[in-house]
Amino acid sequence: MATYTCGDCSMSVKDLTCGTCGSELIYAEVGENSVGVSQCPNDHGKIKSPMCCGSDMSVE
């Protein structure tokens, strides 16, 4: 279970799930710049990982 935390205000988000199949999204990095994404393990797609206070939230 990935937990995303803001380095500025300490807000956290967890339990992101796919709306199609209900599976928990898995953190991954894609591209040359290692952009953080949360993706469905059943290949239903991916989203950019959460942001807070203008920056990407770190993943635990």
PDB file of N, CA and C in Angstrom:
ATOM      1  N   MET A   1       0.849  -1.173   0.000  1.00  0.00           N
ATOM      2  CA  MET A   1       0.000   0.000   0.000  1.00  0.00           C
ATOM      3  C   MET A   1       0.894   1.236   0.000  1.00  0.00           C
ATOM      4  N   ALA A   2       0.807   2.035  -1.050  1.00  0.00           N
ATOM      5  CA  ALA A   2       1.612   3.244  -1.153  1.00  0.00           C
ATOM      6  C   ALA A   2       0.958   4.390  -0.396  1.00  0.00           C
ATOM      7  N   THR A   3       1.770   5.122   0.343  1.00  0.00           N
ATOM      8  CA  THR A   3       1.315   6.335   1.015  1.00  0.00           C
ATOM      9  C   THR A   3       2.106   7.503   0.446  1.00  0.00           C
ATOM     10  N   TYR A   4       1.409   8.518  -0.040  1.00  0.00           N
ATOM     11  CA  TYR A   4       2.026   9.712  -0.599  1.00  0.00           C
ATOM     12  C   TYR A   4       1.978  10.806   0.455  1.00  0.00           C
ATOM     13  N   THR A   5       3.117  11.476   0.689  1.00  0.00           N
ATOM     14  CA  THR A   5       3.200  12.499   1.728  1.00  0.00           C
ATOM     15  C   THR A   5       3.791  13.784   1.164  1.00  0.00           C
ATOM     16  N   CYS A   6       3.218  14.911   1.560  1.00  0.00           N
ATOM     17  CA  CYS A   6       3.723  16.222   1.155  1.00  0.00           C
ATOM     18  C   CYS A   6       4.900  16.596   2.057  1.00  0.00           C
ATOM     19  N   GLY A   7       6.016  16.967   1.443  1.00  0.00           N
ATOM     20  CA  GLY A   7       7.189  17.364   2.208  1.00  0.00           C
ATOM     21  C   GLY A   7       7.055  18.730   2.861  1.00  0.00           C
ATOM     22  N   ASP A   8       6.081  19.544   2.409  1.00  0.00           N
ATOM     23  CA  ASP A   8       5.904  20.886   2.965  1.00  0.00           C
ATOM     24  C   ASP A   8       4.914  20.922   4.123  1.00  0.00           C
ATOM     25  N   CYS A   9       3.745  20.299   3.952  1.00  0.00           N
ATOM     26  CA  CYS A   9       2.700  20.421   4.979  1.00  0.00           C
ATOM     27  C   CYS A   9       2.381  19.102   5.689  1.00  0.00           C
ATOM     28  N   SER A  10       3.005  18.011   5.260  1.00  0.00           N
ATOM     29  CA  SER A  10       2.845  16.676   5.858  1.00  0.00           C
ATOM     30  C   SER A  10       1.490  16.016   5.605  1.00  0.00           C
ATOM     31  N   MET A  11       0.659  16.584   4.727  1.00  0.00           N
ATOM     32  CA  MET A  11      -0.582  15.902   4.364  1.00  0.00           C
ATOM     33  C   MET A  11      -0.226  14.586   3.693  1.00  0.00           C
ATOM     34  N   SER A  12      -1.041  13.552   3.900  1.00  0.00           N
ATOM     35  CA  SER A  12      -0.769  12.275   3.254  1.00  0.00           C
ATOM     36  C   SER A  12      -2.030  11.727   2.597  1.00  0.00           C
ATOM     37  N   VAL A  13      -1.816  10.898   1.561  1.00  0.00           N
ATOM     38  CA  VAL A  13      -2.882  10.247   0.808  1.00  0.00           C
ATOM     39  C   VAL A  13      -2.488   8.787   0.664  1.00  0.00           C
ATOM     40  N   LYS A  14      -3.468   7.864   0.835  1.00  0.00           N
ATOM     41  CA  LYS A  14      -3.161   6.451   0.619  1.00  0.00           C
ATOM     42  C   LYS A  14      -4.379   5.749   0.045  1.00  0.00           C
ATOM     43  N   ASP A  15      -4.184   4.517  -0.368  1.00  0.00           N
ATOM     44  CA  ASP A  15      -5.247   3.663  -0.901  1.00  0.00           C
ATOM     45  C   ASP A  15      -5.850   4.183  -2.200  1.00  0.00           C
ATOM     46  N   LEU A  16      -5.018   4.593  -3.164  1.00  0.00           N
ATOM     47  CA  LEU A  16      -5.523   4.958  -4.479  1.00  0.00           C
ATOM     48  C   LEU A  16      -5.881   3.674  -5.214  1.00  0.00           C
ATOM     49  N   THR A  17      -7.083   3.606  -5.785  1.00  0.00           N
ATOM     50  CA  THR A  17      -7.522   2.394  -6.474  1.00  0.00           C
ATOM     51  C   THR A  17      -8.016   2.709  -7.878  1.00  0.00           C
ATOM     52  N   CYS A  18      -7.969   1.708  -8.739  1.00  0.00           N
ATOM     53  CA  CYS A  18      -8.459   1.799 -10.105  1.00  0.00           C
ATOM     54  C   CYS A  18      -9.989   1.795 -10.088  1.00  0.00           C
ATOM     55  N   GLY A  19     -10.603   2.736 -10.779  1.00  0.00           N
ATOM     56  CA  GLY A  19     -12.055   2.795 -10.846  1.00  0.00           C
ATOM     57  C   GLY A  19     -12.658   1.691 -11.689  1.00  0.00           C
ATOM     58  N   THR A  20     -11.863   1.076 -12.568  1.00  0.00           N
ATOM     59  CA  THR A  20     -12.362   0.011 -13.432  1.00  0.00           C
ATOM     60  C   THR A  20     -12.396  -1.335 -12.730  1.00  0.00           C
ATOM     61  N   CYS A  21     -11.286  -1.690 -12.058  1.00  0.00           N
ATOM     62  CA  CYS A  21     -11.209  -3.035 -11.468  1.00  0.00           C
ATOM     63  C   CYS A  21     -11.087  -3.041  -9.946  1.00  0.00           C
ATOM     64  N   GLY A  22     -10.862  -1.876  -9.331  1.00  0.00           N
ATOM     65  CA  GLY A  22     -10.757  -1.806  -7.878  1.00  0.00           C
ATOM     66  C   GLY A  22      -9.393  -2.158  -7.313  1.00  0.00           C
ATOM     67  N   SER A  23      -8.424  -2.481  -8.178  1.00  0.00           N
ATOM     68  CA  SER A  23      -7.082  -2.824  -7.701  1.00  0.00           C
ATOM     69  C   SER A  23      -6.350  -1.582  -7.208  1.00  0.00           C
ATOM     70  N   GLU A  24      -5.486  -1.778  -6.224  1.00  0.00           N
ATOM     71  CA  GLU A  24      -4.678  -0.679  -5.709  1.00  0.00           C
ATOM     72  C   GLU A  24      -3.664  -0.257  -6.762  1.00  0.00           C
ATOM     73  N   LEU A  25      -3.542   1.058  -6.990  1.00  0.00           N
ATOM     74  CA  LEU A  25      -2.570   1.568  -7.943  1.00  0.00           C
ATOM     75  C   LEU A  25      -1.167   1.419  -7.376  1.00  0.00           C
ATOM     76  N   ILE A  26      -0.219   1.130  -8.261  1.00  0.00           N
ATOM     77  CA  ILE A  26       1.167   0.872  -7.879  1.00  0.00           C
ATOM     78  C   ILE A  26       2.042   2.021  -8.373  1.00  0.00           C
ATOM     79  N   TYR A  27       2.946   2.493  -7.515  1.00  0.00           N
ATOM     80  CA  TYR A  27       3.855   3.580  -7.880  1.00  0.00           C
ATOM     81  C   TYR A  27       4.882   3.082  -8.887  1.00  0.00           C
ATOM     82  N   ALA A  28       5.174   3.921  -9.887  1.00  0.00           N
ATOM     83  CA  ALA A  28       6.211   3.624 -10.876  1.00  0.00           C
ATOM     84  C   ALA A  28       6.788   4.944 -11.365  1.00  0.00           C
ATOM     85  N   GLU A  29       7.952   4.878 -11.983  1.00  0.00           N
ATOM     86  CA  GLU A  29       8.565   6.053 -12.598  1.00  0.00           C
ATOM     87  C   GLU A  29       8.707   5.781 -14.083  1.00  0.00           C
ATOM     88  N   VAL A  30       8.342   6.769 -14.912  1.00  0.00           N
ATOM     89  CA  VAL A  30       8.403   6.603 -16.359  1.00  0.00           C
ATOM     90  C   VAL A  30       9.162   7.762 -16.990  1.00  0.00           C
ATOM     91  N   GLY A  31       9.698   7.528 -18.181  1.00  0.00           N
ATOM     92  CA  GLY A  31      10.355   8.573 -18.952  1.00  0.00           C
ATOM     93  C   GLY A  31      11.772   8.862 -18.521  1.00  0.00           C
ATOM     94  N   GLU A  32      12.409   9.718 -19.320  1.00  0.00           N
ATOM     95  CA  GLU A  32      13.802  10.091 -19.072  1.00  0.00           C
ATOM     96  C   GLU A  32      13.976  10.873 -17.779  1.00  0.00           C
ATOM     97  N   ASN A  33      12.951  11.621 -17.375  1.00  0.00           N
ATOM     98  CA  ASN A  33      13.038  12.449 -16.169  1.00  0.00           C
ATOM     99  C   ASN A  33      12.485  11.753 -14.940  1.00  0.00           C
ATOM    100  N   SER A  34      12.194  10.457 -15.048  1.00  0.00           N
ATOM    101  CA  SER A  34      11.659   9.666 -13.931  1.00  0.00           C
ATOM    102  C   SER A  34      10.433  10.326 -13.296  1.00  0.00           C
ATOM    103  N   VAL A  35       9.415  10.565 -14.112  1.00  0.00           N
ATOM    104  CA  VAL A  35       8.163  11.146 -13.632  1.00  0.00           C
ATOM    105  C   VAL A  35       7.406  10.086 -12.837  1.00  0.00           C
ATOM    106  N   GLY A  36       6.960  10.430 -11.631  1.00  0.00           N
ATOM    107  CA  GLY A  36       6.224   9.498 -10.790  1.00  0.00           C
ATOM    108  C   GLY A  36       4.787   9.343 -11.257  1.00  0.00           C
ATOM    109  N   VAL A  37       4.322   8.098 -11.386  1.00  0.00           N
ATOM    110  CA  VAL A  37       2.941   7.800 -11.762  1.00  0.00           C
ATOM    111  C   VAL A  37       2.393   6.721 -10.844  1.00  0.00           C
ATOM    112  N   SER A  38       1.076   6.630 -10.805  1.00  0.00           N
ATOM    113  CA  SER A  38       0.396   5.542 -10.110  1.00  0.00           C
ATOM    114  C   SER A  38      -0.343   4.775 -11.190  1.00  0.00           C
ATOM    115  N   GLN A  39      -0.045   3.471 -11.319  1.00  0.00           N
ATOM    116  CA  GLN A  39      -0.624   2.714 -12.422  1.00  0.00           C
ATOM    117  C   GLN A  39      -1.368   1.480 -11.944  1.00  0.00           C
ATOM    118  N   CYS A  40      -2.367   1.098 -12.738  1.00  0.00           N
ATOM    119  CA  CYS A  40      -3.151  -0.096 -12.444  1.00  0.00           C
ATOM    120  C   CYS A  40      -2.318  -1.332 -12.781  1.00  0.00           C
ATOM    121  N   PRO A  41      -2.250  -2.316 -11.885  1.00  0.00           N
ATOM    122  CA  PRO A  41      -1.486  -3.531 -12.170  1.00  0.00           C
ATOM    123  C   PRO A  41      -2.140  -4.389 -13.254  1.00  0.00           C
ATOM    124  N   ASN A  42      -3.393  -4.079 -13.607  1.00  0.00           N
ATOM    125  CA  ASN A  42      -4.112  -4.829 -14.641  1.00  0.00           C
ATOM    126  C   ASN A  42      -4.193  -4.050 -15.955  1.00  0.00           C
ATOM    127  N   ASP A  43      -3.278  -3.106 -16.135  1.00  0.00           N
ATOM    128  CA  ASP A  43      -3.140  -2.330 -17.375  1.00  0.00           C
ATOM    129  C   ASP A  43      -4.374  -1.531 -17.772  1.00  0.00           C
ATOM    130  N   HIS A  44      -5.105  -0.986 -16.796  1.00  0.00           N
ATOM    131  CA  HIS A  44      -6.234  -0.119 -17.106  1.00  0.00           C
ATOM    132  C   HIS A  44      -5.813   1.340 -17.221  1.00  0.00           C
ATOM    133  N   GLY A  45      -4.533   1.629 -17.075  1.00  0.00           N
ATOM    134  CA  GLY A  45      -4.040   2.992 -17.247  1.00  0.00           C
ATOM    135  C   GLY A  45      -3.192   3.460 -16.087  1.00  0.00           C
ATOM    136  N   LYS A  46      -2.801   4.736 -16.155  1.00  0.00           N
ATOM    137  CA  LYS A  46      -1.968   5.335 -15.112  1.00  0.00           C
ATOM    138  C   LYS A  46      -2.281   6.810 -15.011  1.00  0.00           C
ATOM    139  N   ILE A  47      -1.991   7.377 -13.858  1.00  0.00           N
ATOM    140  CA  ILE A  47      -2.158   8.804 -13.612  1.00  0.00           C
ATOM    141  C   ILE A  47      -0.862   9.345 -13.027  1.00  0.00           C
ATOM    142  N   LYS A  48      -0.646  10.648 -13.194  1.00  0.00           N
ATOM    143  CA  LYS A  48       0.499  11.263 -12.535  1.00  0.00           C
ATOM    144  C   LYS A  48       0.259  11.186 -11.036  1.00  0.00           C
ATOM    145  N   SER A  49       1.290  10.913 -10.295  1.00  0.00           N
ATOM    146  CA  SER A  49       1.154  10.807  -8.842  1.00  0.00           C
ATOM    147  C   SER A  49       0.698  12.133  -8.249  1.00  0.00           C
ATOM    148  N   PRO A  50       0.088  12.100  -7.060  1.00  0.00           N
ATOM    149  CA  PRO A  50      -0.496  13.296  -6.448  1.00  0.00           C
ATOM    150  C   PRO A  50       0.510  14.427  -6.210  1.00  0.00           C
ATOM    151  N   MET A  51      -0.030  15.664  -6.225  1.00  0.00           N
ATOM    152  CA  MET A  51       0.754  16.856  -5.917  1.00  0.00           C
ATOM    153  C   MET A  51       0.105  17.581  -4.749  1.00  0.00           C
ATOM    154  N   CYS A  52       0.915  18.318  -3.986  1.00  0.00           N
ATOM    155  CA  CYS A  52       0.424  19.128  -2.878  1.00  0.00           C
ATOM    156  C   CYS A  52       1.402  20.290  -2.705  1.00  0.00           C
ATOM    157  N   CYS A  53       0.910  21.446  -2.359  1.00  0.00           N
ATOM    158  CA  CYS A  53       1.755  22.635  -2.155  1.00  0.00           C
ATOM    159  C   CYS A  53       2.643  22.911  -3.369  1.00  0.00           C
ATOM    160  N   GLY A  54       2.167  22.549  -4.578  1.00  0.00           N
ATOM    161  CA  GLY A  54       2.889  22.824  -5.807  1.00  0.00           C
ATOM    162  C   GLY A  54       3.999  21.852  -6.155  1.00  0.00           C
ATOM    163  N   SER A  55       4.151  20.754  -5.397  1.00  0.00           N
ATOM    164  CA  SER A  55       5.210  19.775  -5.656  1.00  0.00           C
ATOM    165  C   SER A  55       4.648  18.360  -5.629  1.00  0.00           C
ATOM    166  N   ASP A  56       5.352  17.442  -6.304  1.00  0.00           N
ATOM    167  CA  ASP A  56       4.971  16.032  -6.234  1.00  0.00           C
ATOM    168  C   ASP A  56       5.085  15.539  -4.801  1.00  0.00           C
ATOM    169  N   MET A  57       4.129  14.733  -4.382  1.00  0.00           N
ATOM    170  CA  MET A  57       4.192  14.132  -3.049  1.00  0.00           C
ATOM    171  C   MET A  57       5.153  12.947  -3.105  1.00  0.00           C
ATOM    172  N   SER A  58       5.921  12.720  -2.051  1.00  0.00           N
ATOM    173  CA  SER A  58       6.840  11.588  -2.012  1.00  0.00           C
ATOM    174  C   SER A  58       6.064  10.331  -1.650  1.00  0.00           C
ATOM    175  N   VAL A  59       6.570   9.186  -2.096  1.00  0.00           N
ATOM    176  CA  VAL A  59       5.886   7.911  -1.862  1.00  0.00           C
ATOM    177  C   VAL A  59       6.668   7.076  -0.866  1.00  0.00           C
ATOM    178  N   GLU A  60       5.941   6.401   0.006  1.00  0.00           N
ATOM    179  CA  GLU A  60       6.560   5.514   1.009  1.00  0.00           C
ATOM    180  C   GLU A  60       6.184   4.091   0.704  1.00  0.00           C
TER     181      GLU A  60
END
